[in-house]
PDB file of N, CA and C in Angstrom:
ATOM      1  N   MET A   1      11.348  -5.706  -6.132  1.00  0.00           N
ATOM      2  CA  MET A   1      11.566  -6.799  -5.208  1.00  0.00           C
ATOM      3  C   MET A   1      12.192  -6.239  -3.924  1.00  0.00           C
ATOM      4  N   PRO A   2      11.585  -6.604  -2.752  1.00  0.00           N
ATOM      5  CA  PRO A   2      12.116  -6.071  -1.496  1.00  0.00           C
ATOM      6  C   PRO A   2      13.509  -6.634  -1.200  1.00  0.00           C
ATOM      7  N   SER A   3      14.283  -5.831  -0.530  1.00  0.00           N
ATOM      8  CA  SER A   3      15.633  -6.265  -0.173  1.00  0.00           C
ATOM      9  C   SER A   3      15.572  -7.332   0.911  1.00  0.00           C
ATOM     10  N   LYS A   4      16.675  -8.038   1.049  1.00  0.00           N
ATOM     11  CA  LYS A   4      16.762  -9.080   2.064  1.00  0.00           C
ATOM     12  C   LYS A   4      16.534  -8.487   3.460  1.00  0.00           C
ATOM     13  N   LYS A   5      17.096  -7.302   3.691  1.00  0.00           N
ATOM     14  CA  LYS A   5      16.947  -6.638   4.986  1.00  0.00           C
ATOM     15  C   LYS A   5      15.471  -6.305   5.257  1.00  0.00           C
ATOM     16  N   ALA A   6      14.746  -5.814   4.244  1.00  0.00           N
ATOM     17  CA  ALA A   6      13.328  -5.474   4.399  1.00  0.00           C
ATOM     18  C   ALA A   6      12.510  -6.731   4.714  1.00  0.00           C
ATOM     19  N   VAL A   7      12.826  -7.834   4.062  1.00  0.00           N
ATOM     20  CA  VAL A   7      12.124  -9.098   4.309  1.00  0.00           C
ATOM     21  C   VAL A   7      12.382  -9.556   5.739  1.00  0.00           C
ATOM     22  N   GLU A   8      13.649  -9.484   6.159  1.00  0.00           N
ATOM     23  CA  GLU A   8      14.004  -9.885   7.521  1.00  0.00           C
ATOM     24  C   GLU A   8      13.307  -9.016   8.559  1.00  0.00           C
ATOM     25  N   GLU A   9      13.234  -7.710   8.312  1.00  0.00           N
ATOM     26  CA  GLU A   9      12.557  -6.800   9.240  1.00  0.00           C
ATOM     27  C   GLU A   9      11.070  -7.118   9.328  1.00  0.00           C
ATOM     28  N   ASN A  10      10.464  -7.443   8.190  1.00  0.00           N
ATOM     29  CA  ASN A  10       9.050  -7.799   8.160  1.00  0.00           C
ATOM     30  C   ASN A  10       8.803  -9.080   8.964  1.00  0.00           C
ATOM     31  N   ILE A  11       9.653 -10.067   8.776  1.00  0.00           N
ATOM     32  CA  ILE A  11       9.526 -11.322   9.529  1.00  0.00           C
ATOM     33  C   ILE A  11       9.686 -11.055  11.018  1.00  0.00           C
ATOM     34  N   LEU A  12      10.651 -10.240  11.381  1.00  0.00           N
ATOM     35  CA  LEU A  12      10.890  -9.897  12.779  1.00  0.00           C
ATOM     36  C   LEU A  12       9.668  -9.212  13.391  1.00  0.00           C
ATOM     37  N   GLU A  13       9.066  -8.276  12.666  1.00  0.00           N
ATOM     38  CA  GLU A  13       7.859  -7.597  13.150  1.00  0.00           C
ATOM     39  C   GLU A  13       6.717  -8.581  13.365  1.00  0.00           C
ATOM     40  N   GLN A  14       6.547  -9.510  12.430  1.00  0.00           N
ATOM     41  CA  GLN A  14       5.488 -10.512  12.555  1.00  0.00           C
ATOM     42  C   GLN A  14       5.725 -11.404  13.768  1.00  0.00           C
ATOM     43  N   LEU A  15       6.969 -11.812  13.975  1.00  0.00           N
ATOM     44  CA  LEU A  15       7.307 -12.641  15.131  1.00  0.00           C
ATOM     45  C   LEU A  15       7.053 -11.895  16.439  1.00  0.00           C
ATOM     46  N   GLN A  16       7.442 -10.637  16.481  1.00  0.00           N
ATOM     47  CA  GLN A  16       7.223  -9.838  17.684  1.00  0.00           C
ATOM     48  C   GLN A  16       5.732  -9.716  18.000  1.00  0.00           C
ATOM     49  N   GLU A  17       4.930  -9.494  16.981  1.00  0.00           N
ATOM     50  CA  GLU A  17       3.481  -9.374  17.174  1.00  0.00           C
ATOM     51  C   GLU A  17       2.896 -10.705  17.660  1.00  0.00           C
ATOM     52  N   THR A  18       3.336 -11.806  17.087  1.00  0.00           N
ATOM     53  CA  THR A  18       2.861 -13.128  17.499  1.00  0.00           C
ATOM     54  C   THR A  18       3.227 -13.408  18.949  1.00  0.00           C
ATOM     55  N   ILE A  19       4.456 -13.052  19.323  1.00  0.00           N
ATOM     56  CA  ILE A  19       4.896 -13.263  20.701  1.00  0.00           C
ATOM     57  C   ILE A  19       4.085 -12.395  21.661  1.00  0.00           C
ATOM     58  N   LYS A  20       3.836 -11.144  21.291  1.00  0.00           N
ATOM     59  CA  LYS A  20       3.027 -10.249  22.132  1.00  0.00           C
ATOM     60  C   LYS A  20       1.642 -10.833  22.379  1.00  0.00           C
ATOM     61  N   GLU A  21       1.013 -11.329  21.309  1.00  0.00           N
ATOM     62  CA  GLU A  21      -0.325 -11.903  21.423  1.00  0.00           C
ATOM     63  C   GLU A  21      -0.307 -13.150  22.301  1.00  0.00           C
ATOM     64  N   ALA A  22       0.719 -13.987  22.162  1.00  0.00           N
ATOM     65  CA  ALA A  22       0.820 -15.208  22.961  1.00  0.00           C
ATOM     66  C   ALA A  22       1.001 -14.885  24.441  1.00  0.00           C
ATOM     67  N   VAL A  23       1.834 -13.900  24.736  1.00  0.00           N
ATOM     68  CA  VAL A  23       2.053 -13.497  26.124  1.00  0.00           C
ATOM     69  C   VAL A  23       0.773 -12.912  26.709  1.00  0.00           C
ATOM     70  N   LYS A  24       0.097 -12.077  25.934  1.00  0.00           N
ATOM     71  CA  LYS A  24      -1.163 -11.481  26.390  1.00  0.00           C
ATOM     72  C   LYS A  24      -2.191 -12.570  26.700  1.00  0.00           C
ATOM     73  N   GLU A  25      -2.295 -13.554  25.831  1.00  0.00           N
ATOM     74  CA  GLU A  25      -3.236 -14.657  26.028  1.00  0.00           C
ATOM     75  C   GLU A  25      -2.857 -15.467  27.264  1.00  0.00           C
ATOM     76  N   ALA A  26      -1.576 -15.715  27.465  1.00  0.00           N
ATOM     77  CA  ALA A  26      -1.129 -16.497  28.619  1.00  0.00           C
ATOM     78  C   ALA A  26      -1.386 -15.753  29.930  1.00  0.00           C
ATOM     79  N   MET A  27      -1.255 -14.447  29.901  1.00  0.00           N
ATOM     80  CA  MET A  27      -1.448 -13.651  31.106  1.00  0.00           C
ATOM     81  C   MET A  27      -2.920 -13.467  31.461  1.00  0.00           C
ATOM     82  N   ASN A  28      -3.785 -13.480  30.455  1.00  0.00           N
ATOM     83  CA  ASN A  28      -5.203 -13.237  30.667  1.00  0.00           C
ATOM     84  C   ASN A  28      -6.014 -14.068  29.680  1.00  0.00           C
ATOM     85  N   PRO A  29      -6.107 -15.389  29.925  1.00  0.00           N
ATOM     86  CA  PRO A  29      -6.811 -16.229  28.956  1.00  0.00           C
ATOM     87  C   PRO A  29      -8.305 -15.898  28.875  1.00  0.00           C
ATOM     88  N   LYS A  30      -8.839 -16.002  27.676  1.00  0.00           N
ATOM     89  CA  LYS A  30     -10.267 -15.763  27.473  1.00  0.00           C
ATOM     90  C   LYS A  30     -11.064 -16.875  28.150  1.00  0.00           C
ATOM     91  N   LEU A  31     -12.261 -16.554  28.566  1.00  0.00           N
ATOM     92  CA  LEU A  31     -13.126 -17.541  29.196  1.00  0.00           C
ATOM     93  C   LEU A  31     -13.715 -18.503  28.172  1.00  0.00           C
ATOM     94  N   THR A  32     -13.855 -18.033  26.933  1.00  0.00           N
ATOM     95  CA  THR A  32     -14.435 -18.865  25.884  1.00  0.00           C
ATOM     96  C   THR A  32     -13.481 -18.983  24.707  1.00  0.00           C
ATOM     97  N   LEU A  33     -13.686 -20.040  23.938  1.00  0.00           N
ATOM     98  CA  LEU A  33     -12.896 -20.292  22.737  1.00  0.00           C
ATOM     99  C   LEU A  33     -13.840 -20.448  21.551  1.00  0.00           C
ATOM    100  N   THR A  34     -13.365 -20.063  20.385  1.00  0.00           N
ATOM    101  CA  THR A  34     -14.106 -20.358  19.160  1.00  0.00           C
ATOM    102  C   THR A  34     -13.817 -21.818  18.798  1.00  0.00           C
ATOM    103  N   ILE A  35     -14.531 -22.326  17.828  1.00  0.00           N
ATOM    104  CA  ILE A  35     -14.294 -23.694  17.365  1.00  0.00           C
ATOM    105  C   ILE A  35     -12.840 -23.838  16.906  1.00  0.00           C
ATOM    106  N   GLU A  36     -12.343 -22.864  16.160  1.00  0.00           N
ATOM    107  CA  GLU A  36     -10.968 -22.924  15.650  1.00  0.00           C
ATOM    108  C   GLU A  36      -9.953 -22.903  16.793  1.00  0.00           C
ATOM    109  N   GLU A  37     -10.181 -22.045  17.787  1.00  0.00           N
ATOM    110  CA  GLU A  37      -9.277 -21.980  18.936  1.00  0.00           C
ATOM    111  C   GLU A  37      -9.326 -23.276  19.740  1.00  0.00           C
ATOM    112  N   ALA A  38     -10.524 -23.832  19.901  1.00  0.00           N
ATOM    113  CA  ALA A  38     -10.666 -25.093  20.634  1.00  0.00           C
ATOM    114  C   ALA A  38      -9.970 -26.234  19.892  1.00  0.00           C
ATOM    115  N   ALA A  39     -10.008 -26.193  18.574  1.00  0.00           N
ATOM    116  CA  ALA A  39      -9.317 -27.223  17.782  1.00  0.00           C
ATOM    117  C   ALA A  39      -7.808 -27.151  18.029  1.00  0.00           C
ATOM    118  N   LYS A  40      -7.259 -25.952  18.046  1.00  0.00           N
ATOM    119  CA  LYS A  40      -5.829 -25.794  18.329  1.00  0.00           C
ATOM    120  C   LYS A  40      -5.519 -26.210  19.764  1.00  0.00           C
ATOM    121  N   TYR A  41      -6.365 -25.825  20.687  1.00  0.00           N
ATOM    122  CA  TYR A  41      -6.168 -26.069  22.115  1.00  0.00           C
ATOM    123  C   TYR A  41      -6.205 -27.562  22.441  1.00  0.00           C
ATOM    124  N   THR A  42      -7.139 -28.296  21.806  1.00  0.00           N
ATOM    125  CA  THR A  42      -7.351 -29.704  22.146  1.00  0.00           C
ATOM    126  C   THR A  42      -6.670 -30.685  21.203  1.00  0.00           C
ATOM    127  N   GLY A  43      -6.413 -30.256  19.985  1.00  0.00           N
ATOM    128  CA  GLY A  43      -5.892 -31.196  18.992  1.00  0.00           C
ATOM    129  C   GLY A  43      -6.994 -32.000  18.310  1.00  0.00           C
ATOM    130  N   ILE A  44      -8.237 -31.710  18.652  1.00  0.00           N
ATOM    131  CA  ILE A  44      -9.386 -32.354  17.998  1.00  0.00           C
ATOM    132  C   ILE A  44      -9.723 -31.522  16.769  1.00  0.00           C
ATOM    133  N   GLY A  45     -10.014 -32.175  15.670  1.00  0.00           N
ATOM    134  CA  GLY A  45     -10.273 -31.480  14.420  1.00  0.00           C
ATOM    135  C   GLY A  45     -11.479 -30.547  14.476  1.00  0.00           C
ATOM    136  N   ARG A  46     -11.408 -29.512  13.680  1.00  0.00           N
ATOM    137  CA  ARG A  46     -12.475 -28.509  13.599  1.00  0.00           C
ATOM    138  C   ARG A  46     -13.812 -29.147  13.232  1.00  0.00           C
ATOM    139  N   ASP A  47     -13.815 -30.034  12.240  1.00  0.00           N
ATOM    140  CA  ASP A  47     -15.064 -30.662  11.799  1.00  0.00           C
ATOM    141  C   ASP A  47     -15.681 -31.521  12.902  1.00  0.00           C
ATOM    142  N   LYS A  48     -14.842 -32.242  13.650  1.00  0.00           N
ATOM    143  CA  LYS A  48     -15.343 -33.069  14.747  1.00  0.00           C
ATOM    144  C   LYS A  48     -15.942 -32.184  15.847  1.00  0.00           C
ATOM    145  N   LEU A  49     -15.279 -31.061  16.147  1.00  0.00           N
ATOM    146  CA  LEU A  49     -15.811 -30.150  17.157  1.00  0.00           C
ATOM    147  C   LEU A  49     -17.145 -29.553  16.718  1.00  0.00           C
ATOM    148  N   LEU A  50     -17.256 -29.206  15.444  1.00  0.00           N
ATOM    149  CA  LEU A  50     -18.538 -28.692  14.937  1.00  0.00           C
ATOM    150  C   LEU A  50     -19.628 -29.749  15.042  1.00  0.00           C
ATOM    151  N   GLU A  51     -19.277 -30.982  14.715  1.00  0.00           N
ATOM    152  CA  GLU A  51     -20.235 -32.082  14.823  1.00  0.00           C
ATOM    153  C   GLU A  51     -20.707 -32.230  16.271  1.00  0.00           C
ATOM    154  N   LEU A  52     -19.775 -32.178  17.213  1.00  0.00           N
ATOM    155  CA  LEU A  52     -20.120 -32.277  18.630  1.00  0.00           C
ATOM    156  C   LEU A  52     -20.970 -31.090  19.083  1.00  0.00           C
ATOM    157  N   ALA A  53     -20.628 -29.900  18.612  1.00  0.00           N
ATOM    158  CA  ALA A  53     -21.364 -28.694  18.997  1.00  0.00           C
ATOM    159  C   ALA A  53     -22.809 -28.738  18.494  1.00  0.00           C
ATOM    160  N   HIS A  54     -23.015 -29.322  17.333  1.00  0.00           N
ATOM    161  CA  HIS A  54     -24.361 -29.402  16.765  1.00  0.00           C
ATOM    162  C   HIS A  54     -25.208 -30.499  17.416  1.00  0.00           C
ATOM    163  N   ASN A  55     -24.561 -31.428  18.125  1.00  0.00           N
ATOM    164  CA  ASN A  55     -25.270 -32.552  18.722  1.00  0.00           C
ATOM    165  C   ASN A  55     -25.508 -32.292  20.209  1.00  0.00           C
ATOM    166  N   PRO A  56     -26.750 -31.976  20.599  1.00  0.00           N
ATOM    167  CA  PRO A  56     -27.017 -31.660  22.008  1.00  0.00           C
ATOM    168  C   PRO A  56     -26.789 -32.846  22.945  1.00  0.00           C
ATOM    169  N   GLU A  57     -26.778 -34.063  22.421  1.00  0.00           N
ATOM    170  CA  GLU A  57     -26.574 -35.248  23.249  1.00  0.00           C
ATOM    171  C   GLU A  57     -25.095 -35.543  23.508  1.00  0.00           C
ATOM    172  N   SER A  58     -24.200 -34.796  22.871  1.00  0.00           N
ATOM    173  CA  SER A  58     -22.765 -35.062  23.014  1.00  0.00           C
ATOM    174  C   SER A  58     -22.215 -34.592  24.355  1.00  0.00           C
ATOM    175  N   GLY A  59     -22.916 -33.647  24.998  1.00  0.00           N
ATOM    176  CA  GLY A  59     -22.414 -33.100  26.243  1.00  0.00           C
ATOM    177  C   GLY A  59     -21.293 -32.094  26.038  1.00  0.00           C
ATOM    178  N   PHE A  60     -21.010 -31.778  24.783  1.00  0.00           N
ATOM    179  CA  PHE A  60     -19.930 -30.839  24.470  1.00  0.00           C
ATOM    180  C   PHE A  60     -20.314 -29.443  24.962  1.00  0.00           C
ATOM    181  N   PRO A  61     -19.416 -28.772  25.682  1.00  0.00           N
ATOM    182  CA  PRO A  61     -19.762 -27.495  26.344  1.00  0.00           C
ATOM    183  C   PRO A  61     -19.755 -26.276  25.424  1.00  0.00           C
ATOM    184  N   ALA A  62     -20.553 -26.338  24.380  1.00  0.00           N
ATOM    185  CA  ALA A  62     -20.629 -25.228  23.421  1.00  0.00           C
ATOM    186  C   ALA A  62     -21.987 -24.545  23.537  1.00  0.00           C
ATOM    187  N   PHE A  63     -21.988 -23.267  23.214  1.00  0.00           N
ATOM    188  CA  PHE A  63     -23.242 -22.516  23.139  1.00  0.00           C
ATOM    189  C   PHE A  63     -23.123 -21.552  21.967  1.00  0.00           C
ATOM    190  N   ARG A  64     -24.259 -21.044  21.534  1.00  0.00           N
ATOM    191  CA  ARG A  64     -24.273 -20.152  20.374  1.00  0.00           C
ATOM    192  C   ARG A  64     -24.407 -18.698  20.779  1.00  0.00           C
ATOM    193  N   VAL A  65     -23.717 -17.879  20.029  1.00  0.00           N
ATOM    194  CA  VAL A  65     -23.904 -16.431  20.077  1.00  0.00           C
ATOM    195  C   VAL A  65     -24.179 -16.064  18.626  1.00  0.00           C
ATOM    196  N   GLY A  66     -25.460 -15.888  18.315  1.00  0.00           N
ATOM    197  CA  GLY A  66     -25.851 -15.718  16.920  1.00  0.00           C
ATOM    198  C   GLY A  66     -25.613 -17.029  16.185  1.00  0.00           C
ATOM    199  N   THR A  67     -24.814 -16.984  15.138  1.00  0.00           N
ATOM    200  CA  THR A  67     -24.518 -18.200  14.374  1.00  0.00           C
ATOM    201  C   THR A  67     -23.180 -18.821  14.785  1.00  0.00           C
ATOM    202  N   LYS A  68     -22.494 -18.169  15.709  1.00  0.00           N
ATOM    203  CA  LYS A  68     -21.151 -18.602  16.103  1.00  0.00           C
ATOM    204  C   LYS A  68     -21.209 -19.457  17.369  1.00  0.00           C
ATOM    205  N   PHE A  69     -20.461 -20.559  17.368  1.00  0.00           N
ATOM    206  CA  PHE A  69     -20.335 -21.378  18.568  1.00  0.00           C
ATOM    207  C   PHE A  69     -19.189 -20.859  19.414  1.00  0.00           C
ATOM    208  N   LEU A  70     -19.400 -20.841  20.721  1.00  0.00           N
ATOM    209  CA  LEU A  70     -18.343 -20.565  21.684  1.00  0.00           C
ATOM    210  C   LEU A  70     -18.295 -21.728  22.661  1.00  0.00           C
ATOM    211  N   ILE A  71     -17.108 -22.000  23.175  1.00  0.00           N
ATOM    212  CA  ILE A  71     -16.903 -23.110  24.087  1.00  0.00           C
ATOM    213  C   ILE A  71     -16.300 -22.566  25.372  1.00  0.00           C
ATOM    214  N   SER A  72     -16.869 -22.935  26.489  1.00  0.00           N
ATOM    215  CA  SER A  72     -16.341 -22.541  27.788  1.00  0.00           C
ATOM    216  C   SER A  72     -15.008 -23.254  28.014  1.00  0.00           C
ATOM    217  N   ARG A  73     -13.964 -22.502  28.262  1.00  0.00           N
ATOM    218  CA  ARG A  73     -12.631 -23.080  28.464  1.00  0.00           C
ATOM    219  C   ARG A  73     -12.634 -24.045  29.660  1.00  0.00           C
ATOM    220  N   GLU A  74     -13.213 -23.624  30.777  1.00  0.00           N
ATOM    221  CA  GLU A  74     -13.226 -24.464  31.986  1.00  0.00           C
ATOM    222  C   GLU A  74     -14.070 -25.721  31.789  1.00  0.00           C
ATOM    223  N   LEU A  75     -15.247 -25.567  31.195  1.00  0.00           N
ATOM    224  CA  LEU A  75     -16.092 -26.733  30.952  1.00  0.00           C
ATOM    225  C   LEU A  75     -15.468 -27.674  29.930  1.00  0.00           C
ATOM    226  N   LEU A  76     -14.728 -27.123  28.984  1.00  0.00           N
ATOM    227  CA  LEU A  76     -14.036 -27.951  28.001  1.00  0.00           C
ATOM    228  C   LEU A  76     -12.987 -28.818  28.696  1.00  0.00           C
ATOM    229  N   LYS A  77     -12.235 -28.238  29.627  1.00  0.00           N
ATOM    230  CA  LYS A  77     -11.245 -29.016  30.386  1.00  0.00           C
ATOM    231  C   LYS A  77     -11.925 -30.157  31.141  1.00  0.00           C
ATOM    232  N   GLU A  78     -13.045 -29.853  31.785  1.00  0.00           N
ATOM    233  CA  GLU A  78     -13.782 -30.879  32.530  1.00  0.00           C
ATOM    234  C   GLU A  78     -14.314 -31.961  31.593  1.00  0.00           C
ATOM    235  N   TRP A  79     -14.844 -31.552  30.442  1.00  0.00           N
ATOM    236  CA  TRP A  79     -15.390 -32.492  29.463  1.00  0.00           C
ATOM    237  C   TRP A  79     -14.290 -33.423  28.953  1.00  0.00           C
ATOM    238  N   LEU A  80     -13.108 -32.864  28.663  1.00  0.00           N
ATOM    239  CA  LEU A  80     -11.988 -33.680  28.194  1.00  0.00           C
ATOM    240  C   LEU A  80     -11.542 -34.665  29.280  1.00  0.00           C
ATOM    241  N   LYS A  81     -11.509 -34.209  30.521  1.00  0.00           N
ATOM    242  CA  LYS A  81     -11.121 -35.083  31.624  1.00  0.00           C
ATOM    243  C   LYS A  81     -12.098 -36.244  31.737  1.00  0.00           C
ATOM    244  N   LYS A  82     -13.400 -35.936  31.635  1.00  0.00           N
ATOM    245  CA  LYS A  82     -14.428 -36.972  31.714  1.00  0.00           C
ATOM    246  C   LYS A  82     -14.286 -37.969  30.565  1.00  0.00           C
ATOM    247  N   LEU A  83     -14.028 -37.469  29.366  1.00  0.00           N
ATOM    248  CA  LEU A  83     -13.828 -38.357  28.214  1.00  0.00           C
ATOM    249  C   LEU A  83     -12.665 -39.308  28.454  1.00  0.00           C
ATOM    250  N   ALA A  84     -11.569 -38.766  28.969  1.00  0.00           N
ATOM    251  CA  ALA A  84     -10.377 -39.580  29.214  1.00  0.00           C
ATOM    252  C   ALA A  84     -10.647 -40.631  30.292  1.00  0.00           C
ATOM    253  N   GLU A  85     -11.327 -40.218  31.366  1.00  0.00           N
ATOM    254  CA  GLU A  85     -11.634 -41.153  32.447  1.00  0.00           C
ATOM    255  C   GLU A  85     -12.543 -42.276  31.974  1.00  0.00           C
ATOM    256  N   GLU A  86     -13.493 -41.944  31.114  1.00  0.00           N
ATOM    257  CA  GLU A  86     -14.435 -42.946  30.589  1.00  0.00           C
ATOM    258  C   GLU A  86     -13.873 -43.699  29.395  1.00  0.00           C
ATOM    259  N   ARG A  87     -12.713 -43.229  28.893  1.00  0.00           N
ATOM    260  CA  ARG A  87     -12.090 -43.832  27.706  1.00  0.00           C
ATOM    261  C   ARG A  87     -13.058 -43.878  26.526  1.00  0.00           C
ATOM    262  N   ARG A  88     -13.815 -42.786  26.381  1.00  0.00           N
ATOM    263  CA  ARG A  88     -14.783 -42.700  25.288  1.00  0.00           C
ATOM    264  C   ARG A  88     -14.105 -42.452  23.958  1.00  0.00           C
ATOM    265  N   ILE A  89     -14.726 -42.933  22.915  1.00  0.00           N
ATOM    266  CA  ILE A  89     -14.254 -42.699  21.547  1.00  0.00           C
ATOM    267  C   ILE A  89     -15.190 -41.695  20.911  1.00  0.00           C
ATOM    268  N   LEU A  90     -14.602 -40.658  20.324  1.00  0.00           N
ATOM    269  CA  LEU A  90     -15.421 -39.628  19.669  1.00  0.00           C
ATOM    270  C   LEU A  90     -15.739 -40.034  18.250  1.00  0.00           C
TER     271      LEU A  90
END
Protein backbone atom coordinates (compact mmCIF):
# COMPACT_ATOMS: atom_id res chain seq x y z
CA MET A 1 0.00 0.00 0.00
CA PRO A 2 1.45 3.38 -1.02
CA SER A 3 2.27 5.84 1.71
CA LYS A 4 0.19 8.94 2.28
CA LYS A 5 3.08 11.07 0.98
CA ALA A 6 3.29 9.01 -2.26
CA VAL A 7 -0.47 9.38 -2.81
CA GLU A 8 -0.26 13.13 -2.22
CA GLU A 9 2.67 13.46 -4.63
CA ASN A 10 0.76 11.51 -7.28
CA ILE A 11 -2.29 13.76 -6.87
CA LEU A 12 -0.07 16.84 -7.07
CA GLU A 13 1.53 15.58 -10.31
CA GLN A 14 -1.89 14.93 -11.83
CA LEU A 15 -3.09 18.40 -10.85
CA GLN A 16 0.01 20.02 -12.31
CA GLU A 17 -0.45 18.15 -15.59
CA THR A 18 -4.14 19.14 -15.75
CA ILE A 19 -3.28 22.78 -15.10
CA LYS A 20 -0.55 22.71 -17.78
CA GLU A 21 -3.00 21.31 -20.34
CA ALA A 22 -5.66 23.89 -19.41
CA VAL A 23 -3.21 26.78 -19.74
CA LYS A 24 -1.94 25.43 -23.06
CA GLU A 25 -5.51 25.15 -24.37
CA ALA A 26 -6.37 28.67 -23.18
CA MET A 27 -3.28 30.13 -24.82
CA ASN A 28 -3.79 28.34 -28.14
CA PRO A 29 -7.31 26.95 -28.53
CA LYS A 30 -7.88 24.31 -31.18
CA LEU A 31 -9.92 25.31 -34.20
CA THR A 32 -12.05 22.18 -33.93
CA LEU A 33 -13.61 20.19 -31.12
CA THR A 34 -14.55 16.54 -30.84
CA ILE A 35 -18.10 15.65 -29.85
CA GLU A 36 -16.92 15.05 -26.27
CA GLU A 37 -15.08 18.39 -26.12
CA ALA A 38 -18.09 20.20 -27.60
CA ALA A 39 -20.32 18.58 -24.97
CA LYS A 40 -18.08 19.94 -22.20
CA TYR A 41 -17.78 23.33 -23.92
CA THR A 42 -21.53 23.82 -24.49
CA GLY A 43 -23.17 21.81 -21.74
CA ILE A 44 -25.23 19.99 -24.39
CA GLY A 45 -25.19 16.22 -23.95
CA ARG A 46 -22.96 14.01 -26.06
CA ASP A 47 -25.91 12.00 -27.43
CA LYS A 48 -27.78 15.16 -28.47
CA LEU A 49 -24.67 16.49 -30.24
CA LEU A 50 -24.25 13.18 -32.08
CA GLU A 51 -27.90 13.31 -33.11
CA LEU A 52 -27.42 16.85 -34.43
CA ALA A 53 -24.19 15.90 -36.22
CA HIS A 54 -25.91 13.01 -38.00
CA ASN A 55 -28.80 15.23 -39.13
CA PRO A 56 -27.77 17.40 -42.11
CA GLU A 57 -30.91 19.54 -41.67
CA SER A 58 -29.93 20.59 -38.13
CA GLY A 59 -27.42 23.17 -39.33
CA PHE A 60 -25.00 21.87 -36.70
CA PRO A 61 -21.43 22.83 -37.75
CA ALA A 62 -19.95 19.33 -37.74
CA PHE A 63 -17.97 17.53 -40.40
CA ARG A 64 -16.39 14.10 -40.62
CA VAL A 65 -12.79 13.06 -40.69
CA GLY A 66 -13.07 9.36 -41.36
CA THR A 67 -15.59 8.10 -38.82
CA LYS A 68 -14.94 10.92 -36.35
CA PHE A 69 -17.01 14.11 -36.16
CA LEU A 70 -15.26 17.43 -35.65
CA ILE A 71 -16.97 20.71 -34.89
CA SER A 72 -15.68 24.13 -35.88
CA ARG A 73 -15.26 26.15 -32.68
CA GLU A 74 -16.12 29.47 -34.37
CA LEU A 75 -19.11 28.09 -36.27
CA LEU A 76 -20.32 26.41 -33.09
CA LYS A 77 -20.33 29.79 -31.31
CA GLU A 78 -22.31 31.31 -34.18
CA TRP A 79 -24.74 28.36 -34.24
CA LEU A 80 -25.34 28.67 -30.48
CA LYS A 81 -25.91 32.42 -30.80
CA LYS A 82 -28.44 31.81 -33.59
CA LEU A 83 -30.24 29.17 -31.50
CA ALA A 84 -30.48 31.56 -28.56
CA GLU A 85 -31.72 34.44 -30.73
CA GLU A 86 -34.37 32.22 -32.31
CA ARG A 87 -35.20 30.62 -28.94
CA ARG A 88 -35.12 27.23 -30.64
CA ILE A 89 -35.63 24.02 -28.72
CA LEU A 90 -33.26 21.17 -29.50
